[in-house]
Protein backbone atom coordinates (compact mmCIF):
# COMPACT_ATOMS: atom_id res chain seq x y z
CA MET A 1 55.69 122.45 156.82
CA SER A 2 52.39 121.01 154.59
CA TYR A 3 51.38 122.18 151.39
CA ASN A 4 48.68 124.34 152.62
CA THR A 5 50.58 126.21 155.20
CA GLU A 6 53.70 126.82 152.13
CA ILE A 7 50.46 128.52 150.05
CA THR A 8 49.29 130.66 153.19
CA ASN A 9 52.93 131.65 153.41
CA ALA A 10 53.43 132.79 150.14
CA GLN A 11 50.63 134.08 149.33
CA ASN A 12 50.88 136.77 152.47
CA LEU A 13 54.61 137.92 150.97
CA VAL A 14 52.74 138.08 147.65
CA GLN A 15 49.90 140.56 149.18
CA PRO A 16 51.25 143.79 150.28
CA HIS A 17 53.03 143.91 146.91
CA ASN A 18 50.17 145.92 144.47
CA ASP A 19 52.49 145.70 141.71
CA TRP A 20 52.74 141.56 142.25
CA THR A 21 49.49 141.02 141.64
CA GLN A 22 50.15 138.82 138.73
CA ILE A 23 52.22 136.80 141.10
CA GLU A 24 50.38 133.66 142.00
CA GLY A 25 50.94 132.51 145.96
CA GLU A 26 50.59 128.34 145.26
CA ALA A 27 52.94 129.14 142.11
CA VAL A 28 55.29 130.72 144.49
CA ALA A 29 54.79 127.81 147.04
CA ARG A 30 55.33 124.96 144.82
CA MET A 31 58.46 126.21 143.19
CA ARG A 32 59.77 126.56 147.01
CA LEU A 33 58.84 122.61 147.62
CA GLN A 34 60.55 122.11 144.27
CA ASN A 35 63.31 123.97 145.69
CA ARG A 36 64.06 122.65 148.93
CA PHE A 37 67.74 123.26 149.37
CA GLN A 38 69.19 126.10 148.79
CA THR A 39 72.71 125.76 148.91
CA GLY A 40 75.08 122.70 148.83
CA LEU A 41 75.73 123.20 152.70
CA ASP A 42 72.32 122.79 153.09
CA ILE A 43 72.67 119.30 151.59
CA ALA A 44 74.74 118.54 153.20
CA ARG A 45 73.87 119.59 156.88
CA TYR A 46 70.75 117.47 156.40
CA THR A 47 72.44 114.07 154.95
CA ALA A 48 75.30 113.99 157.92
CA LYS A 49 72.24 114.02 160.20
CA ILE A 50 70.77 111.23 158.10
CA MET A 51 73.81 109.43 157.66
CA ARG A 52 74.24 110.20 162.14
CA GLU A 53 71.08 108.65 162.81
CA ASP A 54 71.76 105.63 160.46
CA MET A 55 74.56 104.66 162.12
CA ALA A 56 72.98 104.97 165.43
CA SER A 57 70.56 102.77 164.15
CA TYR A 58 73.35 100.53 162.87
CA ASP A 59 74.87 99.89 166.69
CA ALA A 60 71.71 98.99 167.94
CA ASP A 61 71.01 96.61 165.16
CA PRO A 62 73.32 95.54 162.30
CA ALA A 63 70.72 93.90 160.64
CA ASN A 64 70.76 97.93 159.83
CA TYR A 65 73.41 98.16 157.19
CA THR A 66 73.22 100.77 154.80
CA GLN A 67 74.36 100.56 150.95
CA SER A 68 75.18 102.81 147.76
CA LEU A 69 76.26 102.85 144.43
CA GLY A 70 79.26 104.41 142.38
CA CYS A 71 78.21 107.58 140.03
CA TRP A 72 80.02 109.59 137.14
CA HIS A 73 77.50 111.52 135.67
CA GLY A 74 74.48 113.06 137.13
CA PHE A 75 71.61 111.30 135.57
CA ILE A 76 73.40 107.94 136.50
CA GLY A 77 72.57 108.96 139.96
CA GLN A 78 69.73 110.61 139.36
CA GLN A 79 67.76 107.01 138.35
CA LYS A 80 69.80 105.24 141.06
CA MET A 81 67.48 107.17 143.42
CA ILE A 82 64.61 107.31 141.06
CA ALA A 83 64.64 103.37 140.91
CA ILE A 84 65.30 102.51 144.33
CA LYS A 85 62.10 104.92 145.16
CA LYS A 86 60.15 102.69 142.45
CA HIS A 87 60.75 99.72 143.17
CA PHE A 88 61.45 99.98 147.20
CA GLY A 89 59.27 103.02 148.03
CA SER A 90 61.48 104.52 150.22
CA THR A 91 65.53 105.50 149.63
CA LYS A 92 66.44 105.04 153.21
CA SER A 93 69.58 103.55 153.94
CA ARG A 94 70.42 103.92 150.29
CA TYR A 95 73.21 106.69 149.60
CA LEU A 96 75.05 107.11 146.81
CA TYR A 97 79.20 106.58 146.31
CA LEU A 98 81.55 109.09 144.28
CA SER A 99 84.65 107.00 143.40
CA GLY A 100 87.55 108.79 142.51
CA TRP A 101 88.81 105.66 139.98
CA MET A 102 85.76 106.68 138.31
CA VAL A 103 86.53 110.67 137.95
CA ALA A 104 90.29 110.05 137.08
CA ALA A 105 88.90 107.24 134.20
CA LEU A 106 85.83 108.80 132.85
CA ARG A 107 86.05 112.93 134.01
CA SER A 108 89.18 114.54 133.59
CA GLU A 109 90.07 116.44 130.64
CA PHE A 110 93.44 114.68 130.22
CA GLY A 111 90.96 111.62 129.25
CA PRO A 112 91.06 108.27 130.50
CA LEU A 113 93.45 108.37 133.16
CA PRO A 114 94.42 105.43 135.79
CA ASP A 115 93.35 106.13 139.48
CA GLN A 116 96.76 107.75 140.44
CA SER A 117 95.74 111.28 141.59
CA MET A 118 96.37 112.81 138.17
CA HIS A 119 92.57 114.21 137.66
CA GLU A 120 92.04 117.86 138.08
CA LYS A 121 90.99 117.69 141.90
CA THR A 122 88.38 120.42 141.40
CA SER A 123 86.49 117.71 139.51
CA VAL A 124 85.43 115.82 142.04
CA PRO A 125 83.53 118.86 143.82
CA ALA A 126 81.96 119.35 140.41
CA LEU A 127 81.09 116.09 140.25
CA ILE A 128 79.27 116.06 143.76
CA GLU A 129 77.66 119.88 142.95
CA GLU A 130 76.06 117.84 139.40
CA LEU A 131 74.83 114.79 141.45
CA TYR A 132 72.59 116.92 143.77
CA THR A 133 71.54 119.18 140.61
CA PHE A 134 70.20 116.35 139.21
CA LEU A 135 68.88 114.95 142.66
CA ARG A 136 66.99 117.83 143.16
CA GLN A 137 65.63 118.09 139.59
CA ALA A 138 64.13 114.82 140.38
CA ASP A 139 62.28 116.11 143.21
CA ALA A 140 61.31 118.88 141.14
CA ARG A 141 60.21 116.54 138.32
CA GLU A 142 58.00 114.27 140.70
CA LEU A 143 56.74 117.32 142.45
CA GLY A 144 55.66 119.02 139.38
CA GLY A 145 53.64 115.83 138.67
CA LEU A 146 52.10 115.43 141.76
CA PHE A 147 51.04 119.48 140.95
CA ARG A 148 49.63 118.45 137.77
CA ASP A 149 47.43 115.38 139.09
CA LEU A 150 46.30 117.79 141.99
CA ASP A 151 45.25 120.34 139.52
CA ALA A 152 43.49 117.81 137.33
CA ALA A 153 41.46 116.18 140.48
CA ARG A 154 40.61 120.08 141.51
CA SER A 155 39.26 120.98 137.99
CA SER A 156 37.14 117.27 137.72
CA GLY A 157 35.75 117.83 141.31
CA ASP A 158 36.85 115.08 142.79
CA GLU A 159 37.87 116.11 146.13
CA VAL A 160 39.13 112.60 147.72
CA LYS A 161 41.66 112.35 144.63
CA ALA A 162 43.09 116.34 145.51
CA ARG A 163 43.02 115.19 149.43
CA ASP A 164 45.59 111.64 148.37
CA LEU A 165 47.76 114.25 146.62
CA GLN A 166 47.97 116.86 149.03
CA ASN A 167 48.45 114.27 151.40
CA LYS A 168 51.76 112.69 149.22
CA ILE A 169 52.75 116.05 148.49
CA ASP A 170 52.73 116.92 152.67
CA ASN A 171 54.13 113.58 153.10
CA PHE A 172 56.78 113.97 149.60
CA GLU A 173 60.37 111.91 150.37
CA THR A 174 63.45 113.84 148.66
CA HIS A 175 65.63 112.13 146.36
CA VAL A 176 68.82 113.82 148.16
CA VAL A 177 70.93 111.30 149.72
CA PRO A 178 74.09 111.28 151.78
CA ILE A 179 77.20 111.05 149.05
CA ILE A 180 80.18 109.55 150.21
CA ALA A 181 82.63 111.19 148.76
CA ASP A 182 86.70 110.28 147.82
CA ILE A 183 89.10 112.70 148.45
CA ASP A 184 91.79 109.69 147.71
CA ALA A 185 95.11 111.08 149.42
CA GLY A 186 94.14 114.40 149.67
CA PHE A 187 95.96 115.50 146.58
CA GLY A 188 98.80 117.29 148.99
CA ASN A 189 99.34 118.12 152.24
CA ALA A 190 96.94 118.59 155.37
CA GLU A 191 96.65 122.20 153.64
CA ALA A 192 95.53 120.47 150.69
CA THR A 193 93.34 118.48 152.07
CA TYR A 194 91.38 121.06 153.72
CA LEU A 195 90.56 123.35 151.00
CA LEU A 196 89.46 120.70 149.03
CA ALA A 197 87.38 119.10 151.27
CA LYS A 198 85.71 122.74 151.93
CA LYS A 199 85.07 122.82 148.23
CA MET A 200 83.64 119.48 148.49
CA ILE A 201 81.60 119.86 151.83
CA GLU A 202 80.59 123.27 150.07
CA ALA A 203 78.99 120.96 147.13
CA GLY A 204 76.48 119.53 149.46
CA ALA A 205 78.89 115.76 150.57
CA CYS A 206 78.21 114.88 154.17
CA ALA A 207 81.06 112.36 154.47
CA LEU A 208 84.70 112.06 152.86
CA GLN A 209 86.54 109.13 152.43
CA ILE A 210 90.82 109.72 152.71
CA GLU A 211 93.49 106.90 152.38
CA ASN A 212 96.56 106.52 154.05
CA GLN A 213 98.49 106.76 151.09
CA VAL A 214 101.19 109.15 149.59
CA SER A 215 99.70 111.62 147.43
CA ASP A 216 102.31 111.80 144.90
CA GLU A 217 102.41 108.01 144.67
CA LYS A 218 98.85 106.92 145.21
CA GLN A 219 97.90 104.01 143.33
CA CYS A 220 94.45 102.16 143.19
CA GLY A 221 93.60 99.90 146.37
CA HIS A 222 93.47 96.96 144.21
CA GLN A 223 96.31 97.40 142.40
CA ASP A 224 100.24 96.48 143.32
CA GLY A 225 102.65 99.19 144.66
CA LYS A 226 101.06 101.08 147.26
CA VAL A 227 102.93 103.08 149.32
CA THR A 228 101.49 104.61 153.08
CA VAL A 229 102.96 107.16 155.37
CA PRO A 230 103.86 107.48 158.82
CA HIS A 231 100.37 107.92 161.07
CA GLU A 232 100.90 111.69 162.14
CA ASP A 233 100.80 112.43 158.22
CA PHE A 234 97.23 110.98 157.91
CA LEU A 235 96.21 112.41 161.37
CA GLN A 236 96.82 115.75 160.25
CA LYS A 237 94.85 115.64 157.28
CA ILE A 238 91.89 113.82 159.25
CA ARG A 239 92.24 116.74 161.37
CA ALA A 240 91.91 119.10 158.52
CA ILE A 241 88.67 117.58 157.35
CA ARG A 242 87.49 117.83 160.50
CA TYR A 243 88.13 121.36 160.94
CA ALA A 244 86.52 121.93 157.38
CA PHE A 245 83.47 120.76 158.38
CA LEU A 246 83.29 122.36 161.81
CA GLU A 247 84.24 125.55 159.67
CA LEU A 248 81.89 125.19 157.21
CA GLY A 249 78.40 124.62 160.32
CA VAL A 250 78.31 120.82 159.17
CA GLU A 251 79.05 119.51 162.81
CA ASP A 252 77.86 116.18 162.05
CA GLY A 253 79.78 115.91 159.18
CA VAL A 254 81.48 112.15 158.86
CA ILE A 255 85.17 111.03 158.21
CA VAL A 256 85.57 107.66 156.62
CA ALA A 257 89.39 107.01 157.47
CA ARG A 258 90.26 104.07 154.91
CA THR A 259 93.58 101.69 155.62
CA ASP A 260 95.71 100.06 152.68
CA SER A 261 98.22 98.69 154.31
CA LEU A 262 96.77 95.04 154.45
CA GLY A 263 98.20 95.49 150.33
CA ALA A 264 100.81 98.25 150.53
CA GLY A 265 104.22 96.99 151.63
CA LEU A 266 106.55 100.24 150.83
CA THR A 267 106.71 103.65 152.94
CA LYS A 268 108.58 106.74 151.50
CA GLN A 269 109.07 107.78 155.19
CA ILE A 270 110.65 106.48 158.38
CA ALA A 271 108.60 108.39 160.70
CA TYR A 272 109.93 110.49 163.70
CA VAL A 273 110.24 108.80 166.91
CA LYS A 274 109.28 111.25 170.28
CA GLU A 275 109.94 108.80 172.51
CA GLU A 276 109.59 104.87 172.36
CA GLY A 277 107.02 103.39 172.02
CA ASP A 278 105.02 105.61 170.34
CA LEU A 279 103.18 106.43 167.27
CA GLY A 280 106.03 106.82 165.17
CA ASP A 281 107.97 104.11 166.99
CA GLN A 282 105.65 101.67 166.51
CA TYR A 283 105.36 102.28 162.12
CA ASN A 284 109.34 102.17 162.07
CA ALA A 285 108.82 98.50 164.22
CA PHE A 286 107.19 96.76 161.19
CA LEU A 287 110.00 98.12 158.94
CA ASP A 288 111.96 95.45 157.19
CA CYS A 289 115.57 96.00 158.80
CA GLU A 290 118.89 93.92 158.81
CA GLU A 291 121.34 94.45 161.84
CA VAL A 292 124.90 96.32 160.81
CA ASP A 293 128.60 96.33 162.39
CA GLY A 294 129.84 99.63 162.73
CA ALA A 295 128.51 102.61 161.28
CA GLY A 296 127.63 100.61 158.35
CA GLN A 297 127.86 102.26 154.43
CA PRO A 298 127.95 105.49 153.01
CA GLY A 299 124.74 106.74 152.24
CA ASP A 300 122.86 104.22 154.96
CA VAL A 301 119.81 105.22 156.88
CA LEU A 302 120.18 103.41 160.62
CA ILE A 303 117.91 103.36 163.19
CA ASN A 304 118.01 101.69 167.05
CA ARG A 305 116.00 99.16 167.65
CA ASP A 306 115.94 97.24 170.57
CA GLY A 307 119.71 98.89 171.64
CA LYS A 308 120.97 97.54 168.13
CA LEU A 309 121.88 99.54 165.14
CA MET A 310 119.48 98.34 162.22
CA ARG A 311 119.64 99.19 158.31
CA PRO A 312 115.84 99.76 156.64
CA LYS A 313 115.63 97.91 153.84
CA ARG A 314 115.28 100.30 151.36
CA LEU A 315 115.17 100.29 147.67
CA PRO A 316 116.24 101.55 144.15
CA SER A 317 113.56 103.46 144.13
CA ASN A 318 114.58 105.46 147.47
CA LEU A 319 111.52 103.56 149.25
CA TYR A 320 112.10 101.65 151.92
CA GLN A 321 109.69 98.50 152.48
CA PHE A 322 107.50 96.39 155.48
CA ARG A 323 108.55 93.30 156.67
CA ALA A 324 105.75 90.56 154.95
CA GLY A 325 103.42 88.76 156.52
CA THR A 326 102.54 92.86 158.61
CA GLY A 327 99.43 94.04 156.78
CA ALA A 328 96.85 92.91 158.89
CA ASP A 329 98.89 94.55 162.46
CA ARG A 330 99.61 97.41 160.27
CA CYS A 331 96.04 97.85 159.82
CA VAL A 332 94.44 97.39 162.81
CA LEU A 333 97.27 100.01 164.38
CA ASP A 334 96.01 102.25 161.08
CA CYS A 335 92.21 101.92 161.93
CA ILE A 336 92.65 101.97 165.97
CA THR A 337 94.80 105.40 165.54
CA SER A 338 92.41 106.96 163.76
CA LEU A 339 88.99 106.14 165.35
CA GLN A 340 90.94 108.05 168.68
CA ASN A 341 91.76 110.86 166.68
CA GLY A 342 88.58 112.06 164.87
CA ALA A 343 88.16 109.82 162.31
CA ASP A 344 84.00 108.48 162.29
CA LEU A 345 83.98 104.93 160.09
CA LEU A 346 87.15 102.79 158.79
CA TRP A 347 87.73 101.90 155.60
CA ILE A 348 90.16 98.30 155.01
CA GLU A 349 90.58 97.90 151.34
CA THR A 350 91.39 94.09 150.65
CA GLU A 351 92.53 91.88 148.05
CA LYS A 352 89.08 89.41 148.23
CA PRO A 353 85.58 89.39 149.65
CA HIS A 354 86.31 87.34 152.42
CA ILE A 355 84.13 87.72 155.99
CA GLU A 356 86.74 86.41 158.50
CA GLN A 357 89.83 87.94 157.15
CA ILE A 358 87.84 91.08 157.48
CA ALA A 359 85.92 90.09 160.70
CA GLY A 360 89.81 88.83 162.23
CA MET A 361 90.61 92.63 161.85
CA VAL A 362 87.78 94.21 163.14
CA ASP A 363 87.59 92.01 166.31
CA ARG A 364 91.16 93.01 167.76
CA ILE A 365 89.77 96.70 166.59
CA ARG A 366 86.66 96.21 168.73
CA GLU A 367 88.59 95.27 171.52
CA VAL A 368 90.01 99.26 171.60
CA VAL A 369 87.11 101.06 170.12
CA PRO A 370 84.27 98.98 170.80
CA ASN A 371 81.80 100.47 168.39
CA ALA A 372 83.70 100.65 165.50
CA LYS A 373 82.02 100.15 161.78
CA LEU A 374 83.28 99.95 158.26
CA VAL A 375 82.67 101.45 154.95
CA TYR A 376 83.56 98.33 152.51
CA ASN A 377 84.02 98.31 149.12
CA ASN A 378 82.17 95.34 147.22
CA SER A 379 84.76 95.87 144.38
CA PRO A 380 84.15 95.18 140.75
CA SER A 381 88.17 94.58 140.68
CA PHE A 382 87.30 90.90 142.71
CA ASN A 383 86.96 87.99 140.30
CA TRP A 384 83.49 87.26 143.10
CA THR A 385 82.00 84.30 141.42
CA LEU A 386 85.94 82.53 141.78
CA ASN A 387 86.67 84.16 145.19
CA PHE A 388 83.28 82.24 146.28
CA ARG A 389 83.89 79.36 144.68
CA GLN A 390 87.14 78.79 145.89
CA GLN A 391 85.97 79.25 149.39
CA VAL A 392 83.35 76.98 149.47
CA TYR A 393 85.22 74.40 148.00
CA ASP A 394 87.81 75.55 150.72
CA ALA A 395 84.92 75.03 153.22
CA TRP A 396 83.71 71.72 151.53
CA ALA A 397 87.64 69.95 151.73
CA GLU A 398 87.88 70.78 155.22
CA ALA A 399 84.48 69.54 156.30
CA GLY A 400 85.37 66.04 154.46
CA LYS A 401 82.76 66.67 151.67
CA ASP A 402 83.94 64.72 148.54
CA VAL A 403 85.19 67.78 146.06
CA ALA A 404 86.74 65.31 143.79
CA GLY A 405 84.43 66.37 140.89
CA TYR A 406 85.95 69.75 140.82
CA ASP A 407 89.00 71.58 140.07
CA ARG A 408 90.14 74.54 142.05
CA ASP A 409 91.92 76.23 139.47
CA ARG A 410 88.84 75.65 137.02
CA LEU A 411 86.23 76.59 139.38
CA MET A 412 85.17 79.92 136.86
CA SER A 413 84.78 77.50 134.40
CA VAL A 414 81.31 77.34 133.11
CA ASP A 415 81.53 73.67 132.73
CA TYR A 416 80.61 74.38 136.98
CA ASP A 417 77.64 76.81 137.18
CA GLY A 418 74.99 74.37 137.10
CA THR A 419 76.78 72.27 139.87
CA GLU A 420 76.03 72.35 143.48
CA LEU A 421 78.68 74.09 144.27
CA ALA A 422 78.17 76.84 141.86
CA ALA A 423 74.86 77.35 143.53
CA GLU A 424 75.76 77.88 147.12
CA ALA A 425 79.16 80.42 146.51
CA ASP A 426 75.71 81.98 144.48
CA GLU A 427 73.93 82.12 147.94
CA ARG A 428 76.54 82.95 149.69
CA ILE A 429 77.41 86.26 147.18
CA ARG A 430 73.72 87.07 148.08
CA THR A 431 74.21 86.94 151.58
CA PHE A 432 77.56 88.71 151.96
CA GLN A 433 76.63 92.34 152.81
CA LYS A 434 73.60 91.30 155.01
CA ASP A 435 76.77 88.37 156.50
CA ALA A 436 79.37 90.65 156.80
CA ALA A 437 76.94 93.45 158.46
CA LYS A 438 76.66 91.14 161.32
CA ARG A 439 79.77 89.57 161.31
CA ALA A 440 82.26 92.16 160.15
CA GLY A 441 81.20 95.61 161.74
CA ILE A 442 80.16 96.81 158.03
CA PHE A 443 77.90 99.93 158.44
CA HIS A 444 78.18 100.50 154.37
CA HIS A 445 78.85 98.46 151.86
CA LEU A 446 79.50 100.08 148.48
CA ILE A 447 80.57 98.63 144.83
CA THR A 448 83.00 101.51 143.41
CA LEU A 449 82.35 101.57 139.40
CA PRO A 450 79.15 99.36 139.03
CA THR A 451 77.97 102.12 135.95
CA TYR A 452 81.15 101.57 134.56
CA HIS A 453 80.94 98.18 133.44
CA THR A 454 76.95 98.72 132.93
CA ALA A 455 77.29 101.16 130.60
CA ALA A 456 80.10 99.10 128.83
CA LEU A 457 78.07 96.14 128.78
CA SER A 458 74.49 97.54 127.71
CA THR A 459 76.57 99.24 125.07
CA ASP A 460 78.29 96.43 123.96
CA ASN A 461 74.61 94.67 123.46
CA LEU A 462 73.62 97.86 121.99
CA ALA A 463 75.99 97.86 118.80
CA ARG A 464 76.00 94.29 118.43
CA GLU A 465 72.24 94.42 117.98
CA TYR A 466 71.87 97.44 115.94
CA PHE A 467 75.35 97.28 113.26
CA GLY A 468 74.19 93.67 113.10
CA ASP A 469 71.45 91.87 111.58
CA GLN A 470 68.51 93.60 114.08
CA ALA A 471 69.21 97.18 112.85
CA MET A 472 66.32 99.17 114.27
CA LEU A 473 64.86 96.25 116.26
CA GLY A 474 67.54 95.41 118.12
CA TYR A 475 66.91 99.44 119.81
CA VAL A 476 63.32 99.07 119.82
CA LYS A 477 63.16 95.53 121.56
CA ASN A 478 66.20 95.35 123.48
CA VAL A 479 65.95 99.05 124.56
CA GLN A 480 62.53 101.07 124.09
CA ARG A 481 60.28 98.03 124.27
CA LYS A 482 61.89 97.35 127.99
CA GLU A 483 62.02 100.79 129.06
CA ILE A 484 57.70 100.78 128.36
CA ARG A 485 57.41 97.28 129.93
CA GLU A 486 59.14 98.00 133.09
CA GLY A 487 57.89 101.59 133.76
CA ILE A 488 61.67 103.38 133.03
CA ALA A 489 60.64 107.19 132.82
CA CYS A 490 62.75 108.35 130.89
CA VAL A 491 61.28 106.53 127.76
CA ARG A 492 59.69 109.93 128.18
CA HIS A 493 63.23 111.59 127.98
CA GLN A 494 62.25 115.06 127.16
CA ASN A 495 60.16 114.96 130.96
CA MET A 496 63.35 113.78 131.88
CA ALA A 497 65.27 116.48 130.91
CA GLY A 498 62.93 119.44 132.30
CA SER A 499 60.20 120.15 128.91
CA ASP A 500 57.36 119.97 131.73
CA LEU A 501 59.44 121.69 134.70
CA GLY A 502 59.53 124.39 131.89
CA ASP A 503 56.35 124.04 130.61
CA ASP A 504 55.00 125.07 134.07
CA HIS A 505 57.03 128.03 134.57
CA LYS A 506 56.18 129.76 131.32
CA GLU A 507 52.30 129.70 132.10
CA TYR A 508 53.76 131.17 135.71
CA PHE A 509 55.31 133.57 133.79
CA ALA A 510 53.51 134.09 131.05
CA GLY A 511 50.05 132.86 131.98
CA GLU A 512 47.72 132.10 128.68
CA ALA A 513 50.35 133.93 126.27
CA ALA A 514 52.76 130.78 127.57
CA LEU A 515 54.28 127.98 124.12
CA LYS A 516 54.69 125.47 125.89
CA ALA A 517 56.23 122.32 124.58
CA GLY A 518 53.72 119.71 126.06
CA GLY A 519 51.17 120.35 123.28
CA ALA A 520 49.56 118.03 120.94
CA HIS A 521 52.31 117.77 118.63
CA ASN A 522 54.72 116.27 121.13
CA THR A 523 55.79 112.91 120.19
CA MET A 524 56.14 112.36 123.92
CA ASN A 525 52.05 111.82 124.49
CA GLN A 526 52.39 108.65 122.36
CA PHE A 527 54.22 107.06 125.81
CA ALA A 528 51.52 108.90 128.05
CA ALA A 529 49.33 105.57 128.50
CA GLU A 530 52.14 103.98 129.85
């Protein structure tokens, strides 16, 4: 709907009311445009449609993969989208990721926690709502600037500029993008998963990522001690999430089924088997067992395998272990069964970023489900420099290239930073997402914890400079001056926090009596020319 149409509609609404003489139709139109999304469900429906279109685009051409960065605060998410629009002109194919790890580490009332589902589960939907509150304010702020410029162009009689600004308003692209939100292992049983999923969807989430670990034994995907559940337990939670989407009218909602089986060697349960060869039987087939004579020992749990009585190996923790080397096979089975039972996308948690390792599993999955697609964690838990230098070293050695000048165990050393091997490794890192999208079926690349690390790095640098010899120059030179030179909008932090929006509203509400903050004595005017 065009700006002029919005104004006409608002004026037609206001005009019949004789007691609304101080209400301006154009101001109403502006406020409506600045608040396009009325509820979280509006956002979930809008962004789910975007994700579905992007998935279809990827199926047509793997070059059309998507990306996101993890967030732990609304301001972080807002600044990402503002930066993307500033540098690339569009937010297309770029999302936000909500990491359960960062919620646990940074948002829990208990203080910093490991990624073990110990944080308050309501903090996850609260963060989704916060992220979209900040993104909606980014819309309001940018549109507010266009409205101010339009008023100035009209006042100066510059009709050409006014038409150009109105065209920008008509074609405004929102900062609101899809969020892929981490629901961990569901924080309980299928009913608990359903209830939390509803809260997350109502907050605006169009895509929920759930993993096949045991809720009360949940571990970070890159730590040891992971325990998976039988398939039917996991599929119940997938169905619970789908019911939540459908109940709330988000028919295009996206479910990302994550398997941690590659690095998980334990299970808490022996799966129920109804008949030979069913899914429970397939799960139990991976158990590490030993044949027993007679009835076994007191307390033994025994299963029938191929007509033989077998004792699954049980640890003092009362957990059962899988046979070594079965992780990839279990991942493939997890992925196929998830896609066959309502999941839309897959997430295979790996221990290193290796395209052929991922592709080897995806090739097998696609033999059964040809359009299988992945979300992949480009994790900071990987030492990307070391992994890719070792991959290049191994490739060179296999090809017969001389690697005598390199020590494979010391490739992280700064001594190798300027070498040919390091340069090739960096190029492989640069093209990893594009290459993996094409070869390994990865539709969406994300980094789970980027802003956790950037916040720590930038704070360390500032503290070293400010509390050292540089003192105030450490802030001015390395923060504020860079903000000015690089056009970072938050150098005018009062504007970013909504001061100008508030002034606009004061003018709507009070007219000439408005006491506005953006007057001549506002120090933010010192940055107006930048």
